Amino acid sequence: MTDVIHLQGVKAFGYHGVLEHEKINGQEFTVDVRIETNFDAAVASDDVDLTINYAEVAQDVVDSVIGERFDLIETLADHIAQKIIVRAGVLRVFVTVHKPHAPIDHEFSNVSVTRELP
């Protein structure tokens, strides 16, 4: 059986983008994380140490967005996914990075990419 943890809408300000003004001015990014795991041990014991701590995952996300700078949000999504996949109990992770203020010359509501590991 596969259980799922969803962490949606983690916001952080970062400096990711190809254009110079994105690198200088930055913008807010929103990240969603879906983690496939197994809750059996945690449910049997009601012990937080036997599940994936989503507060720590949220910190991984924020640290990644505000830390290293990337031209591509695809690279940012991979960077976040690589941090999460190594956590004990993570079977699969999906990381979606939203860039709602992407430099597009047409009206749009959001741009996002999703990285899945493994």
C-alpha atoms as a PDB file:
ATOM      1  CA  MET A   1       0.000   0.000   0.000  1.00  0.00           C
ATOM      2  CA  THR A   2       1.219   3.507  -0.786  1.00  0.00           C
ATOM      3  CA  ASP A   3       0.306   6.420   1.446  1.00  0.00           C
ATOM      4  CA  VAL A   4       0.708  10.055   0.454  1.00  0.00           C
ATOM      5  CA  ILE A   5       1.767  13.272   2.165  1.00  0.00           C
ATOM      6  CA  HIS A   6       0.806  16.469   0.329  1.00  0.00           C
ATOM      7  CA  LEU A   7       2.508  19.744   1.208  1.00  0.00           C
ATOM      8  CA  GLN A   8       1.018  22.511  -0.886  1.00  0.00           C
ATOM      9  CA  GLY A   9       1.671  26.176  -1.371  1.00  0.00           C
ATOM     10  CA  VAL A  10       5.030  26.631   0.350  1.00  0.00           C
ATOM     11  CA  LYS A  11       6.054  30.187  -0.548  1.00  0.00           C
ATOM     12  CA  ALA A  12       9.551  31.625  -0.604  1.00  0.00           C
ATOM     13  CA  PHE A  13      11.322  34.494  -2.338  1.00  0.00           C
ATOM     14  CA  GLY A  14      14.158  33.540  -4.650  1.00  0.00           C
ATOM     15  CA  TYR A  15      16.326  34.707  -7.530  1.00  0.00           C
ATOM     16  CA  HIS A  16      15.786  32.019 -10.159  1.00  0.00           C
ATOM     17  CA  GLY A  17      15.461  32.786 -13.844  1.00  0.00           C
ATOM     18  CA  VAL A  18      17.297  33.268 -17.082  1.00  0.00           C
ATOM     19  CA  LEU A  19      16.743  37.022 -17.397  1.00  0.00           C
ATOM     20  CA  GLU A  20      18.998  39.494 -15.607  1.00  0.00           C
ATOM     21  CA  HIS A  21      16.130  41.298 -13.858  1.00  0.00           C
ATOM     22  CA  GLU A  22      14.991  37.970 -12.355  1.00  0.00           C
ATOM     23  CA  LYS A  23      18.475  37.434 -10.965  1.00  0.00           C
ATOM     24  CA  ILE A  24      18.568  40.966  -9.498  1.00  0.00           C
ATOM     25  CA  ASN A  25      14.977  41.597  -8.369  1.00  0.00           C
ATOM     26  CA  GLY A  26      13.854  38.064  -7.596  1.00  0.00           C
ATOM     27  CA  GLN A  27      10.275  36.945  -7.154  1.00  0.00           C
ATOM     28  CA  GLU A  28       8.056  34.717  -5.071  1.00  0.00           C
ATOM     29  CA  PHE A  29       7.876  31.020  -5.888  1.00  0.00           C
ATOM     30  CA  THR A  30       5.334  28.510  -4.656  1.00  0.00           C
ATOM     31  CA  VAL A  31       6.181  24.833  -4.257  1.00  0.00           C
ATOM     32  CA  ASP A  32       3.964  21.770  -3.866  1.00  0.00           C
ATOM     33  CA  VAL A  33       5.349  18.436  -2.698  1.00  0.00           C
ATOM     34  CA  ARG A  34       3.750  14.998  -2.950  1.00  0.00           C
ATOM     35  CA  ILE A  35       5.542  12.226  -1.072  1.00  0.00           C
ATOM     36  CA  GLU A  36       4.648   8.576  -1.468  1.00  0.00           C
ATOM     37  CA  THR A  37       5.466   6.562   1.646  1.00  0.00           C
ATOM     38  CA  ASN A  38       4.039   3.926   3.958  1.00  0.00           C
ATOM     39  CA  PHE A  39       2.296   4.986   7.168  1.00  0.00           C
ATOM     40  CA  ASP A  40       1.971   1.502   8.725  1.00  0.00           C
ATOM     41  CA  ALA A  41       4.718   1.834  11.362  1.00  0.00           C
ATOM     42  CA  ALA A  42       3.712   5.402  12.271  1.00  0.00           C
ATOM     43  CA  VAL A  43       0.034   4.499  12.537  1.00  0.00           C
ATOM     44  CA  ALA A  44       0.752   1.443  14.681  1.00  0.00           C
ATOM     45  CA  SER A  45       2.848   3.446  17.139  1.00  0.00           C
ATOM     46  CA  ASP A  46       1.456   6.985  16.735  1.00  0.00           C
ATOM     47  CA  ASP A  47       5.104   8.082  16.667  1.00  0.00           C
ATOM     48  CA  VAL A  48       6.137  11.100  14.603  1.00  0.00           C
ATOM     49  CA  ASP A  49       9.649   9.692  14.318  1.00  0.00           C
ATOM     50  CA  LEU A  50       8.261   6.864  12.178  1.00  0.00           C
ATOM     51  CA  THR A  51       6.810   9.116   9.515  1.00  0.00           C
ATOM     52  CA  ILE A  52       8.102  11.945   7.355  1.00  0.00           C
ATOM     53  CA  ASN A  53       8.111  15.248   9.186  1.00  0.00           C
ATOM     54  CA  TYR A  54       6.433  17.667   6.798  1.00  0.00           C
ATOM     55  CA  ALA A  55       7.723  20.689   8.744  1.00  0.00           C
ATOM     56  CA  GLU A  56      11.261  19.540   7.926  1.00  0.00           C
ATOM     57  CA  VAL A  57      10.278  19.009   4.289  1.00  0.00           C
ATOM     58  CA  ALA A  58       8.875  22.563   4.192  1.00  0.00           C
ATOM     59  CA  GLN A  59      12.204  23.832   5.525  1.00  0.00           C
ATOM     60  CA  ASP A  60      14.023  21.909   2.767  1.00  0.00           C
ATOM     61  CA  VAL A  61      11.826  23.668   0.224  1.00  0.00           C
ATOM     62  CA  VAL A  62      12.387  27.147   1.644  1.00  0.00           C
ATOM     63  CA  ASP A  63      16.142  26.576   2.021  1.00  0.00           C
ATOM     64  CA  SER A  64      16.324  25.516  -1.621  1.00  0.00           C
ATOM     65  CA  VAL A  65      14.343  28.491  -2.945  1.00  0.00           C
ATOM     66  CA  ILE A  66      16.237  31.112  -0.944  1.00  0.00           C
ATOM     67  CA  GLY A  67      19.623  29.388  -1.201  1.00  0.00           C
ATOM     68  CA  GLU A  68      21.407  28.497  -4.393  1.00  0.00           C
ATOM     69  CA  ARG A  69      20.309  30.327  -7.559  1.00  0.00           C
ATOM     70  CA  PHE A  70      19.307  28.536 -10.750  1.00  0.00           C
ATOM     71  CA  ASP A  71      18.443  29.718 -14.232  1.00  0.00           C
ATOM     72  CA  LEU A  72      15.760  27.054 -14.646  1.00  0.00           C
ATOM     73  CA  ILE A  73      12.900  26.210 -12.335  1.00  0.00           C
ATOM     74  CA  GLU A  74      13.353  22.662 -13.610  1.00  0.00           C
ATOM     75  CA  THR A  75      16.740  22.648 -11.875  1.00  0.00           C
ATOM     76  CA  LEU A  76      15.205  24.119  -8.713  1.00  0.00           C
ATOM     77  CA  ALA A  77      12.529  21.398  -8.702  1.00  0.00           C
ATOM     78  CA  ASP A  78      15.204  18.720  -9.073  1.00  0.00           C
ATOM     79  CA  HIS A  79      17.302  20.269  -6.295  1.00  0.00           C
ATOM     80  CA  ILE A  80      14.327  20.138  -3.923  1.00  0.00           C
ATOM     81  CA  ALA A  81      13.369  16.604  -4.972  1.00  0.00           C
ATOM     82  CA  GLN A  82      16.946  15.393  -4.411  1.00  0.00           C
ATOM     83  CA  LYS A  83      16.832  16.704  -0.821  1.00  0.00           C
ATOM     84  CA  ILE A  84      13.539  14.968  -0.112  1.00  0.00           C
ATOM     85  CA  ILE A  85      14.105  11.594  -1.792  1.00  0.00           C
ATOM     86  CA  VAL A  86      16.954  10.749   0.615  1.00  0.00           C
ATOM     87  CA  ARG A  87      14.724  11.089   3.694  1.00  0.00           C
ATOM     88  CA  ALA A  88      13.926   7.810   5.418  1.00  0.00           C
ATOM     89  CA  GLY A  89      10.619   6.378   4.274  1.00  0.00           C
ATOM     90  CA  VAL A  90      10.276   8.344   1.039  1.00  0.00           C
ATOM     91  CA  LEU A  91       9.375   5.967  -1.789  1.00  0.00           C
ATOM     92  CA  ARG A  92       8.698   8.578  -4.462  1.00  0.00           C
ATOM     93  CA  VAL A  93       8.513  12.352  -4.518  1.00  0.00           C
ATOM     94  CA  PHE A  94       6.871  14.828  -6.867  1.00  0.00           C
ATOM     95  CA  VAL A  95       7.946  18.473  -6.611  1.00  0.00           C
ATOM     96  CA  THR A  96       6.051  21.186  -8.465  1.00  0.00           C
ATOM     97  CA  VAL A  97       7.582  24.655  -8.644  1.00  0.00           C
ATOM     98  CA  HIS A  98       5.164  27.440  -9.576  1.00  0.00           C
ATOM     99  CA  LYS A  99       6.456  30.672 -11.075  1.00  0.00           C
ATOM    100  CA  PRO A 100       3.363  32.897 -11.291  1.00  0.00           C
ATOM    101  CA  HIS A 101       5.358  36.004 -12.216  1.00  0.00           C
ATOM    102  CA  ALA A 102       7.343  34.457 -15.065  1.00  0.00           C
ATOM    103  CA  PRO A 103       8.379  36.940 -17.767  1.00  0.00           C
ATOM    104  CA  ILE A 104       5.763  36.047 -20.378  1.00  0.00           C
ATOM    105  CA  ASP A 105       4.371  38.671 -22.734  1.00  0.00           C
ATOM    106  CA  HIS A 106       0.854  37.245 -22.569  1.00  0.00           C
ATOM    107  CA  GLU A 107      -1.742  37.078 -19.834  1.00  0.00           C
ATOM    108  CA  PHE A 108      -1.442  33.855 -17.834  1.00  0.00           C
ATOM    109  CA  SER A 109      -2.150  32.704 -14.308  1.00  0.00           C
ATOM    110  CA  ASN A 110       0.770  30.377 -13.592  1.00  0.00           C
ATOM    111  CA  VAL A 111       3.725  28.481 -14.968  1.00  0.00           C
ATOM    112  CA  SER A 112       4.852  25.325 -13.214  1.00  0.00           C
ATOM    113  CA  VAL A 113       7.126  22.344 -13.676  1.00  0.00           C
ATOM    114  CA  THR A 114       7.020  19.029 -11.848  1.00  0.00           C
ATOM    115  CA  ARG A 115       9.960  16.749 -11.100  1.00  0.00           C
ATOM    116  CA  GLU A 116       9.406  13.132 -10.047  1.00  0.00           C
ATOM    117  CA  LEU A 117      12.018  10.956  -8.347  1.00  0.00           C
ATOM    118  CA  PRO A 118      12.903   8.150  -8.638  1.00  0.00           C
END
